[in-house]
Amino acid sequence: MKKRKKSKKPQVLPNVLDLQNAVLTDREGRSLEAGSLWQHAPALVLILRRPGCIMCRTEAKKLWALRGFFEENGIRPVCIVHEWILPEVAAFNPSFWGGEVLLDKEKAFYKALGGGVVRKKALWKTLFPWTRAWKNTQRMLKEGIVKDYNLAVGTTSVLGGLMVVRKGLDGVQYLFTEDTFGDHADQDRVKAEVREACLAAKPALGSVDGPNAERAPLQADQKPVPAAGRVPVSAVAR
């Protein structure tokens, strides 16, 4: 008798208002509110599990290779970490990620990935060759993009993800959650969502709304409504 596959629950986008006032800390120890990241332009937020991990470093390096695309479209790429171990951050930035790295001490972004709860997984689960985490690790070792890494400096159990956030209070455009170690967002999907978020930030031709016009914020379970005349990314066959 065949086992029935568990159906995946539909993903609920975080409410941007829950993140707006989250306090982050930059490299110089200065505090800023998360809302400032997308106040003037959309933001791509890489929510990192651990700076020393081969899988995290590989993901960061691949994403940072798209910096020209990010600049061209006008999105702000930011990396979030949940603990600041100076040698780890120094080894990670700028070698694997050349942009901003910010500390989320209260794990606001990590909680947003899990609907209010920090998502975790035991590292020992990567030791079994039949697991996806093991296969992810082996694939990245073969790719050889990252040769310098460590296995257990800092907290290893917290899972990460990625968000594309629209400008202002227009909401979260796209959310990717790491279900197990080494799961990464598809880059073509990320690029498509970045384009859509950046297009939405530009006022439509002939619109009475200026670039600073106020819009009602999205609710947690709402997908951003695309501007008139554009096909939403979710409707494009992949």
Protein backbone atom coordinates (compact mmCIF):
# COMPACT_ATOMS: atom_id res chain seq x y z
CA MET A 1 0.00 0.00 0.00
CA LYS A 2 1.47 3.33 -1.07
CA LYS A 3 2.01 6.02 1.52
CA ARG A 4 0.11 9.19 0.84
CA LYS A 5 2.28 12.26 0.53
CA LYS A 6 1.52 14.97 3.02
CA SER A 7 0.07 17.99 1.28
CA LYS A 8 2.03 21.15 1.93
CA LYS A 9 0.16 23.89 3.76
CA PRO A 10 -0.37 27.04 1.71
CA GLN A 11 2.27 29.61 2.60
CA VAL A 12 1.10 32.64 4.53
CA LEU A 13 3.09 35.80 3.92
CA PRO A 14 4.23 37.68 7.02
CA ASN A 15 2.54 40.99 7.77
CA VAL A 16 5.09 43.72 7.09
CA LEU A 17 3.70 45.66 10.07
CA ASP A 18 4.98 42.91 12.38
CA LEU A 19 8.51 43.54 11.09
CA GLN A 20 8.38 47.29 10.64
CA ASN A 21 9.64 48.21 14.14
CA ALA A 22 12.04 45.29 14.65
CA VAL A 23 15.37 46.67 15.89
CA LEU A 24 18.46 45.68 13.93
CA THR A 25 22.12 46.51 14.61
CA ASP A 26 24.73 47.32 11.99
CA ARG A 27 28.46 46.58 11.99
CA GLU A 28 29.26 49.78 13.89
CA GLY A 29 26.74 48.96 16.63
CA ARG A 30 24.14 51.47 15.45
CA SER A 31 20.47 50.57 15.76
CA LEU A 32 17.91 50.91 12.97
CA GLU A 33 14.33 49.83 12.48
CA ALA A 34 13.67 47.14 9.89
CA GLY A 35 11.12 49.37 8.16
CA SER A 36 13.93 51.68 7.08
CA LEU A 37 15.25 48.89 4.82
CA TRP A 38 12.26 49.17 2.48
CA GLN A 39 11.14 52.73 3.24
CA HIS A 40 12.42 54.20 -0.03
CA ALA A 41 12.84 51.11 -2.23
CA PRO A 42 12.08 47.37 -2.18
CA ALA A 43 14.46 45.16 -0.21
CA LEU A 44 15.76 41.63 -0.66
CA VAL A 45 16.44 40.17 2.79
CA LEU A 46 18.60 37.05 3.09
CA ILE A 47 17.82 35.57 6.51
CA LEU A 48 20.94 33.56 7.20
CA ARG A 49 21.14 30.44 9.34
CA ARG A 50 24.86 30.63 10.17
CA PRO A 51 27.69 32.65 8.54
CA GLY A 52 30.24 29.81 8.77
CA CYS A 53 28.08 27.12 7.15
CA ILE A 54 29.10 25.90 3.67
CA MET A 55 25.47 25.91 2.53
CA CYS A 56 24.81 29.43 3.84
CA ARG A 57 28.02 30.76 2.32
CA THR A 58 27.20 29.15 -1.01
CA GLU A 59 23.72 30.69 -1.02
CA ALA A 60 25.07 34.12 -0.09
CA LYS A 61 27.78 34.03 -2.75
CA LYS A 62 25.33 33.00 -5.48
CA LEU A 63 22.91 35.74 -4.50
CA TRP A 64 25.61 38.39 -4.27
CA ALA A 65 26.67 37.45 -7.81
CA LEU A 66 23.31 39.01 -8.83
CA ARG A 67 24.23 42.41 -7.37
CA GLY A 68 24.31 43.99 -10.86
CA PHE A 69 20.74 42.80 -11.43
CA PHE A 70 19.71 44.15 -8.01
CA GLU A 71 21.26 47.56 -8.74
CA GLU A 72 19.67 47.71 -12.19
CA ASN A 73 16.21 47.06 -10.75
CA GLY A 74 16.66 49.27 -7.69
CA ILE A 75 16.33 46.80 -4.83
CA ARG A 76 18.35 46.90 -1.60
CA PRO A 77 20.02 43.56 -0.76
CA VAL A 78 20.56 42.95 2.97
CA CYS A 79 21.74 39.93 4.96
CA ILE A 80 20.37 39.25 8.45
CA VAL A 81 22.13 37.17 11.12
CA HIS A 82 20.79 36.18 14.54
CA GLU A 83 24.10 36.19 16.43
CA TRP A 84 27.19 38.34 15.99
CA ILE A 85 30.32 36.25 16.36
CA LEU A 86 32.90 38.72 15.09
CA PRO A 87 35.40 36.27 13.49
CA GLU A 88 32.50 34.52 11.73
CA VAL A 89 30.99 37.73 10.39
CA ALA A 90 34.43 39.02 9.36
CA ALA A 91 35.11 35.78 7.45
CA PHE A 92 31.68 35.91 5.80
CA ASN A 93 31.55 39.59 4.85
CA PRO A 94 32.73 40.64 2.29
CA SER A 95 34.19 37.34 1.03
CA PHE A 96 30.81 35.66 0.50
CA TRP A 97 28.42 38.60 0.82
CA GLY A 98 29.62 42.06 -0.15
CA GLY A 99 26.62 44.04 1.11
CA GLU A 100 25.08 45.00 4.41
CA VAL A 101 25.03 42.50 7.27
CA LEU A 102 22.70 43.30 10.17
CA LEU A 103 22.11 41.62 13.52
CA ASP A 104 18.55 40.62 14.41
CA LYS A 105 19.13 39.88 18.09
CA GLU A 106 15.44 39.31 18.86
CA LYS A 107 15.09 37.03 15.79
CA ALA A 108 12.12 39.00 14.45
CA PHE A 109 12.76 37.90 10.86
CA TYR A 110 13.33 34.29 11.91
CA LYS A 111 10.01 34.33 13.78
CA ALA A 112 8.32 35.80 10.71
CA LEU A 113 9.51 32.78 8.71
CA GLY A 114 7.75 30.46 11.15
CA GLY A 115 4.52 32.34 11.76
CA GLY A 116 5.76 33.77 15.05
CA VAL A 117 8.03 30.89 16.06
CA VAL A 118 11.74 30.44 15.34
CA ARG A 119 12.04 27.34 13.18
CA LYS A 120 14.77 24.86 14.16
CA LYS A 121 16.24 21.54 13.08
CA ALA A 122 18.78 19.25 14.72
CA LEU A 123 22.18 19.23 13.01
CA TRP A 124 22.62 15.47 13.48
CA LYS A 125 19.91 14.93 10.86
CA THR A 126 22.46 15.91 8.21
CA LEU A 127 24.48 12.79 9.04
CA PHE A 128 22.13 10.34 7.33
CA PRO A 129 22.73 9.87 3.57
CA TRP A 130 19.03 9.45 2.75
CA THR A 131 18.11 12.94 4.02
CA ARG A 132 17.76 16.01 1.82
CA ALA A 133 20.11 17.91 4.13
CA TRP A 134 22.86 15.34 3.45
CA LYS A 135 22.24 15.52 -0.30
CA ASN A 136 22.31 19.33 -0.20
CA THR A 137 25.65 19.25 1.61
CA GLN A 138 27.17 16.78 -0.84
CA ARG A 139 25.94 18.80 -3.82
CA MET A 140 27.58 21.97 -2.52
CA LEU A 141 30.82 20.18 -1.75
CA LYS A 142 30.89 18.98 -5.37
CA GLU A 143 30.10 22.47 -6.69
CA GLY A 144 33.19 23.74 -4.90
CA ILE A 145 32.00 27.35 -4.78
CA VAL A 146 32.94 27.52 -1.09
CA LYS A 147 36.06 25.83 0.20
CA ASP A 148 36.44 27.68 3.51
CA TYR A 149 33.77 26.84 6.10
CA ASN A 150 33.22 25.39 9.58
CA LEU A 151 30.73 22.91 10.97
CA ALA A 152 29.74 24.09 14.41
CA VAL A 153 30.71 27.65 15.37
CA GLY A 154 27.64 29.35 16.82
CA THR A 155 24.05 28.13 16.91
CA THR A 156 23.51 25.50 14.23
CA SER A 157 19.82 24.67 14.61
CA VAL A 158 18.04 27.87 13.52
CA LEU A 159 16.59 27.74 9.99
CA GLY A 160 16.73 30.70 7.63
CA GLY A 161 15.08 31.88 4.45
CA LEU A 162 14.63 34.84 2.14
CA MET A 163 12.14 37.66 1.65
CA VAL A 164 11.48 40.17 -1.07
CA VAL A 165 9.70 43.13 0.54
CA ARG A 166 7.89 45.80 -1.43
CA LYS A 167 8.54 49.49 -0.89
CA GLY A 168 6.91 51.21 2.08
CA LEU A 169 3.93 49.39 3.56
CA ASP A 170 3.03 47.50 0.39
CA GLY A 171 3.89 44.18 2.02
CA VAL A 172 5.99 41.07 1.51
CA GLN A 173 6.19 40.16 -2.18
CA TYR A 174 7.84 36.77 -1.79
CA LEU A 175 8.84 34.43 1.03
CA PHE A 176 11.11 31.41 0.94
CA THR A 177 11.60 29.25 4.03
CA GLU A 178 14.43 26.79 4.51
CA ASP A 179 12.72 23.51 5.44
CA THR A 180 16.00 21.70 5.99
CA PHE A 181 19.67 22.62 5.87
CA GLY A 182 20.79 23.73 2.43
CA ASP A 183 17.39 24.54 0.91
CA HIS A 184 17.81 27.68 -1.19
CA ALA A 185 15.35 29.84 -3.09
CA ASP A 186 15.34 29.31 -6.85
CA GLN A 187 17.28 32.19 -8.40
CA ASP A 188 15.01 32.56 -11.42
CA ARG A 189 12.04 32.86 -9.06
CA VAL A 190 13.90 35.39 -6.92
CA LYS A 191 14.74 37.51 -9.97
CA ALA A 192 11.14 37.42 -11.18
CA GLU A 193 9.82 38.48 -7.76
CA VAL A 194 12.44 41.25 -7.53
CA ARG A 195 11.32 42.60 -10.91
CA GLU A 196 7.70 42.57 -9.82
CA ALA A 197 8.41 44.30 -6.51
CA CYS A 198 10.51 46.96 -8.24
CA LEU A 199 7.92 47.57 -10.95
CA ALA A 200 5.28 47.99 -8.25
CA ALA A 201 7.44 50.67 -6.63
CA LYS A 202 7.25 52.83 -9.77
CA PRO A 203 4.08 54.93 -10.23
CA ALA A 204 2.05 53.86 -13.27
CA LEU A 205 1.97 56.24 -16.27
CA GLY A 206 -0.96 58.60 -15.96
CA SER A 207 -1.56 57.61 -12.34
CA VAL A 208 -2.71 60.30 -9.92
CA ASP A 209 -0.70 58.53 -7.24
CA GLY A 210 2.78 59.92 -6.75
CA PRO A 211 5.72 57.84 -5.60
CA ASN A 212 4.93 58.76 -1.98
CA ALA A 213 1.20 58.04 -2.12
CA GLU A 214 -0.02 56.08 0.88
CA ARG A 215 -1.43 52.61 0.35
CA ALA A 216 -3.27 50.36 2.74
CA PRO A 217 -0.87 47.73 4.14
CA LEU A 218 -1.39 44.10 3.22
CA GLN A 219 -2.79 41.67 5.73
CA ALA A 220 -0.69 38.64 6.65
CA ASP A 221 -2.57 36.29 4.34
CA GLN A 222 -2.70 38.58 1.31
CA LYS A 223 -0.55 38.39 -1.81
CA PRO A 224 0.38 41.83 -3.19
CA VAL A 225 -1.94 42.87 -6.01
CA PRO A 226 0.06 43.52 -9.20
CA ALA A 227 -0.14 46.87 -10.93
CA ALA A 228 -2.63 47.05 -13.80
CA GLY A 229 -1.39 45.58 -17.03
CA ARG A 230 1.20 43.25 -15.46
CA VAL A 231 0.89 39.53 -15.13
CA PRO A 232 1.73 38.36 -11.58
CA VAL A 233 4.76 36.12 -11.30
CA SER A 234 2.67 33.41 -9.68
CA ALA A 235 0.67 33.13 -12.90
CA VAL A 236 3.72 32.48 -15.06
CA ALA A 237 4.41 28.81 -15.76
CA ARG A 238 7.72 27.58 -14.43
